[in-house]
C-alpha cells in the first residue's frame, strides 16, 4: 500500500501534503526534523490519509492536491474523509 497524507502544524497553522509507502515512519521522520520542508512546523499531526495500490497513484493524488493551491480545498478533503476503524 502507498499513501497520500496531509499533516497539520498548529505552530504554523499550515498543512503539508506528501506521499509514502510507510506512513508511520514518514510521520516520525517529519517530527524528528529530518525533513527540511517541515522542520519548522514540529510537531505535525496527521489529519488525512488515503491508501492506493501503487506508488504512482499516490504520487498523482499528491500532485493533484498540491496543484489546487488551496487551503480550503485541503480542509474540505479532511472534512469529507470517512473515519476509519
N, C-alpha and C. Protein backbone atom coordinates (compact mmCIF):
# COMPACT_ATOMS: atom_id res chain seq x y z
N UNK A 1 0.83 -1.19 0.00
CA UNK A 1 0.00 0.00 0.00
C UNK A 1 0.87 1.25 0.00
N UNK A 2 0.39 2.25 -0.68
CA UNK A 2 1.03 3.57 -0.70
C UNK A 2 -0.02 4.58 -0.29
N UNK A 3 0.43 5.67 0.26
CA UNK A 3 -0.50 6.64 0.84
C UNK A 3 -0.18 8.05 0.39
N UNK A 4 -1.24 8.84 0.23
CA UNK A 4 -1.11 10.29 0.19
C UNK A 4 -1.59 10.73 1.57
N UNK A 5 -0.89 11.70 2.15
CA UNK A 5 -1.22 12.12 3.51
C UNK A 5 -1.14 13.63 3.63
N UNK A 6 -1.86 14.14 4.62
CA UNK A 6 -1.80 15.57 4.92
C UNK A 6 -1.50 15.70 6.40
N UNK A 7 -0.48 16.50 6.70
CA UNK A 7 -0.11 16.80 8.08
C UNK A 7 -0.53 18.22 8.39
N UNK A 8 -0.78 18.48 9.67
CA UNK A 8 -1.12 19.84 10.11
C UNK A 8 -0.18 20.26 11.23
N UNK A 9 0.31 21.49 11.15
CA UNK A 9 1.13 22.09 12.19
C UNK A 9 0.35 23.24 12.81
N UNK A 10 -0.04 23.10 14.08
CA UNK A 10 -0.72 24.19 14.78
C UNK A 10 0.22 25.37 14.96
N UNK A 11 1.48 25.08 15.14
CA UNK A 11 2.50 26.12 15.33
C UNK A 11 2.53 27.09 14.14
N UNK A 12 2.42 26.54 12.94
CA UNK A 12 2.45 27.36 11.72
C UNK A 12 1.07 27.60 11.12
N UNK A 13 0.04 26.94 11.66
CA UNK A 13 -1.30 26.93 11.08
C UNK A 13 -1.19 26.60 9.59
N UNK A 14 -0.51 25.47 9.33
CA UNK A 14 -0.16 25.12 7.96
C UNK A 14 -0.32 23.62 7.73
N UNK A 15 -0.57 23.27 6.46
CA UNK A 15 -0.70 21.88 6.05
C UNK A 15 0.50 21.48 5.21
N UNK A 16 0.83 20.20 5.25
CA UNK A 16 1.87 19.64 4.40
C UNK A 16 1.29 18.40 3.72
N UNK A 17 1.47 18.29 2.42
CA UNK A 17 0.96 17.16 1.65
C UNK A 17 2.13 16.33 1.15
N UNK A 18 2.02 15.01 1.33
CA UNK A 18 3.08 14.12 0.87
C UNK A 18 2.53 12.76 0.49
N UNK A 19 3.43 11.90 0.01
CA UNK A 19 3.06 10.51 -0.28
C UNK A 19 4.20 9.61 0.14
N UNK A 20 3.86 8.36 0.49
CA UNK A 20 4.85 7.44 1.02
C UNK A 20 4.35 6.01 0.96
N UNK A 21 5.27 5.08 1.13
CA UNK A 21 4.92 3.68 1.25
C UNK A 21 4.87 3.22 2.70
N UNK A 22 5.41 4.04 3.61
CA UNK A 22 5.43 3.70 5.03
C UNK A 22 5.03 4.94 5.83
N UNK A 23 3.76 5.08 6.06
CA UNK A 23 3.24 6.32 6.64
C UNK A 23 3.72 6.56 8.07
N UNK A 24 3.78 5.51 8.89
CA UNK A 24 4.21 5.69 10.28
C UNK A 24 5.65 6.20 10.35
N UNK A 25 6.54 5.59 9.55
CA UNK A 25 7.93 6.01 9.55
C UNK A 25 8.07 7.43 9.00
N UNK A 26 7.31 7.75 7.97
CA UNK A 26 7.41 9.07 7.35
C UNK A 26 7.00 10.18 8.31
N UNK A 27 5.92 9.98 9.05
CA UNK A 27 5.47 10.99 10.01
C UNK A 27 6.49 11.14 11.13
N UNK A 28 7.03 10.01 11.56
CA UNK A 28 8.07 10.04 12.60
C UNK A 28 9.27 10.88 12.12
N UNK A 29 9.67 10.68 10.87
CA UNK A 29 10.79 11.45 10.33
C UNK A 29 10.47 12.94 10.24
N UNK A 30 9.23 13.27 9.87
CA UNK A 30 8.83 14.69 9.86
C UNK A 30 8.97 15.28 11.26
N UNK A 31 8.51 14.56 12.26
CA UNK A 31 8.52 15.09 13.64
C UNK A 31 9.89 15.01 14.32
N UNK A 32 10.83 14.35 13.70
CA UNK A 32 12.21 14.33 14.21
C UNK A 32 13.05 15.42 13.54
N UNK A 33 12.43 16.18 12.65
CA UNK A 33 13.15 17.25 11.97
C UNK A 33 14.03 16.77 10.84
N UNK A 34 13.75 15.59 10.32
CA UNK A 34 14.58 15.01 9.28
C UNK A 34 14.11 15.40 7.87
N UNK A 35 13.13 16.27 7.79
CA UNK A 35 12.66 16.79 6.50
C UNK A 35 12.80 18.31 6.53
N UNK A 36 13.61 18.83 5.63
CA UNK A 36 13.85 20.27 5.58
C UNK A 36 12.56 21.07 5.44
N UNK A 37 11.63 20.55 4.65
CA UNK A 37 10.38 21.27 4.35
C UNK A 37 9.47 21.40 5.57
N UNK A 38 9.59 20.50 6.54
CA UNK A 38 8.65 20.50 7.66
C UNK A 38 9.31 20.76 9.01
N UNK A 39 10.60 20.95 9.02
CA UNK A 39 11.35 21.10 10.28
C UNK A 39 10.80 22.20 11.19
N UNK A 40 10.43 23.34 10.61
CA UNK A 40 9.98 24.48 11.42
C UNK A 40 8.59 24.31 12.02
N UNK A 41 7.83 23.32 11.53
CA UNK A 41 6.45 23.17 11.99
C UNK A 41 6.22 22.11 13.05
N UNK A 42 7.27 21.49 13.53
CA UNK A 42 7.15 20.42 14.53
C UNK A 42 6.41 20.95 15.75
N UNK A 43 5.45 20.24 16.30
CA UNK A 43 5.00 18.89 15.93
C UNK A 43 3.92 18.91 14.86
N UNK A 44 3.97 17.90 14.00
CA UNK A 44 2.98 17.70 12.95
C UNK A 44 2.06 16.57 13.38
N UNK A 45 0.78 16.68 13.00
CA UNK A 45 -0.14 15.56 13.25
C UNK A 45 -0.85 15.23 11.96
N UNK A 46 -1.10 13.95 11.79
CA UNK A 46 -1.76 13.51 10.56
C UNK A 46 -3.24 13.82 10.65
N UNK A 47 -3.76 14.46 9.62
CA UNK A 47 -5.18 14.82 9.59
C UNK A 47 -5.92 14.16 8.43
N UNK A 48 -5.16 13.54 7.52
CA UNK A 48 -5.78 12.89 6.35
C UNK A 48 -4.82 11.85 5.80
N UNK A 49 -5.36 10.70 5.40
CA UNK A 49 -4.57 9.74 4.64
C UNK A 49 -5.51 8.94 3.76
N UNK A 50 -4.99 8.57 2.61
CA UNK A 50 -5.76 7.76 1.67
C UNK A 50 -4.81 6.74 1.05
N UNK A 51 -5.24 5.48 1.02
CA UNK A 51 -4.42 4.39 0.51
C UNK A 51 -4.61 4.20 -0.99
N UNK A 52 -3.52 3.80 -1.65
CA UNK A 52 -3.52 3.49 -3.08
C UNK A 52 -2.75 2.20 -3.30
N UNK A 53 -3.06 1.53 -4.41
CA UNK A 53 -2.38 0.28 -4.74
C UNK A 53 -0.94 0.50 -5.20
N UNK A 54 -0.70 1.60 -5.90
CA UNK A 54 0.64 1.82 -6.46
C UNK A 54 1.22 3.16 -6.01
N UNK A 55 2.54 3.23 -6.05
CA UNK A 55 3.25 4.48 -5.72
C UNK A 55 2.83 5.60 -6.67
N UNK A 56 2.69 5.28 -7.95
CA UNK A 56 2.35 6.33 -8.92
C UNK A 56 0.96 6.89 -8.68
N UNK A 57 0.01 6.05 -8.26
CA UNK A 57 -1.33 6.56 -7.94
C UNK A 57 -1.27 7.52 -6.76
N UNK A 58 -0.53 7.16 -5.72
CA UNK A 58 -0.40 8.02 -4.54
C UNK A 58 0.29 9.34 -4.92
N UNK A 59 1.33 9.25 -5.75
CA UNK A 59 2.05 10.44 -6.15
C UNK A 59 1.18 11.37 -6.99
N UNK A 60 0.39 10.77 -7.89
CA UNK A 60 -0.52 11.60 -8.70
C UNK A 60 -1.54 12.30 -7.82
N UNK A 61 -2.04 11.61 -6.79
CA UNK A 61 -3.00 12.23 -5.86
C UNK A 61 -2.34 13.37 -5.11
N UNK A 62 -1.07 13.18 -4.68
CA UNK A 62 -0.32 14.24 -4.01
C UNK A 62 -0.20 15.46 -4.91
N UNK A 63 0.20 15.25 -6.15
CA UNK A 63 0.37 16.36 -7.09
C UNK A 63 -0.96 17.07 -7.35
N UNK A 64 -2.04 16.30 -7.43
CA UNK A 64 -3.35 16.92 -7.66
C UNK A 64 -3.72 17.84 -6.49
N UNK A 65 -3.56 17.35 -5.28
CA UNK A 65 -3.89 18.17 -4.10
C UNK A 65 -3.04 19.43 -4.08
N UNK A 66 -1.74 19.28 -4.34
CA UNK A 66 -0.85 20.44 -4.34
C UNK A 66 -1.20 21.42 -5.46
N UNK A 67 -1.67 20.90 -6.59
CA UNK A 67 -1.98 21.77 -7.73
C UNK A 67 -3.18 22.68 -7.45
N UNK A 68 -4.00 22.31 -6.49
CA UNK A 68 -5.16 23.13 -6.15
C UNK A 68 -4.74 24.43 -5.47
N UNK A 69 -3.58 24.42 -4.83
CA UNK A 69 -3.04 25.61 -4.16
C UNK A 69 -4.10 26.29 -3.29
N UNK A 70 -4.80 25.47 -2.50
CA UNK A 70 -5.94 25.99 -1.76
C UNK A 70 -6.05 25.34 -0.40
N UNK A 71 -5.96 26.16 0.63
CA UNK A 71 -6.14 25.67 2.00
C UNK A 71 -7.57 25.17 2.20
N UNK A 72 -8.54 25.84 1.60
CA UNK A 72 -9.93 25.42 1.76
C UNK A 72 -10.18 24.08 1.06
N UNK A 73 -9.50 23.81 -0.06
CA UNK A 73 -9.62 22.52 -0.73
C UNK A 73 -9.12 21.41 0.20
N UNK A 74 -7.99 21.64 0.85
CA UNK A 74 -7.43 20.67 1.79
C UNK A 74 -8.37 20.47 2.97
N UNK A 75 -8.89 21.54 3.51
CA UNK A 75 -9.81 21.44 4.65
C UNK A 75 -11.07 20.67 4.28
N UNK A 76 -11.57 20.85 3.06
CA UNK A 76 -12.74 20.09 2.59
C UNK A 76 -12.42 18.60 2.44
N UNK A 77 -11.23 18.29 1.95
CA UNK A 77 -10.81 16.89 1.85
C UNK A 77 -10.82 16.24 3.24
N UNK A 78 -10.29 16.94 4.21
CA UNK A 78 -10.21 16.43 5.58
C UNK A 78 -11.62 16.20 6.13
N UNK A 79 -12.51 17.16 5.91
CA UNK A 79 -13.90 17.05 6.40
C UNK A 79 -14.62 15.87 5.76
N UNK A 80 -14.35 15.61 4.49
CA UNK A 80 -15.05 14.56 3.76
C UNK A 80 -14.52 13.16 4.07
N UNK A 81 -13.33 13.10 4.66
CA UNK A 81 -12.73 11.79 4.94
C UNK A 81 -13.61 10.97 5.88
N UNK A 82 -13.83 9.75 5.53
CA UNK A 82 -14.61 8.85 6.37
C UNK A 82 -13.74 8.36 7.51
N UNK A 83 -14.27 8.34 8.73
CA UNK A 83 -13.48 7.81 9.85
C UNK A 83 -13.18 6.33 9.63
N UNK A 84 -11.96 5.96 9.99
CA UNK A 84 -11.56 4.56 9.82
C UNK A 84 -11.49 3.88 11.18
N UNK A 85 -11.97 2.66 11.20
CA UNK A 85 -11.89 1.74 12.26
C UNK A 85 -12.10 2.01 13.62
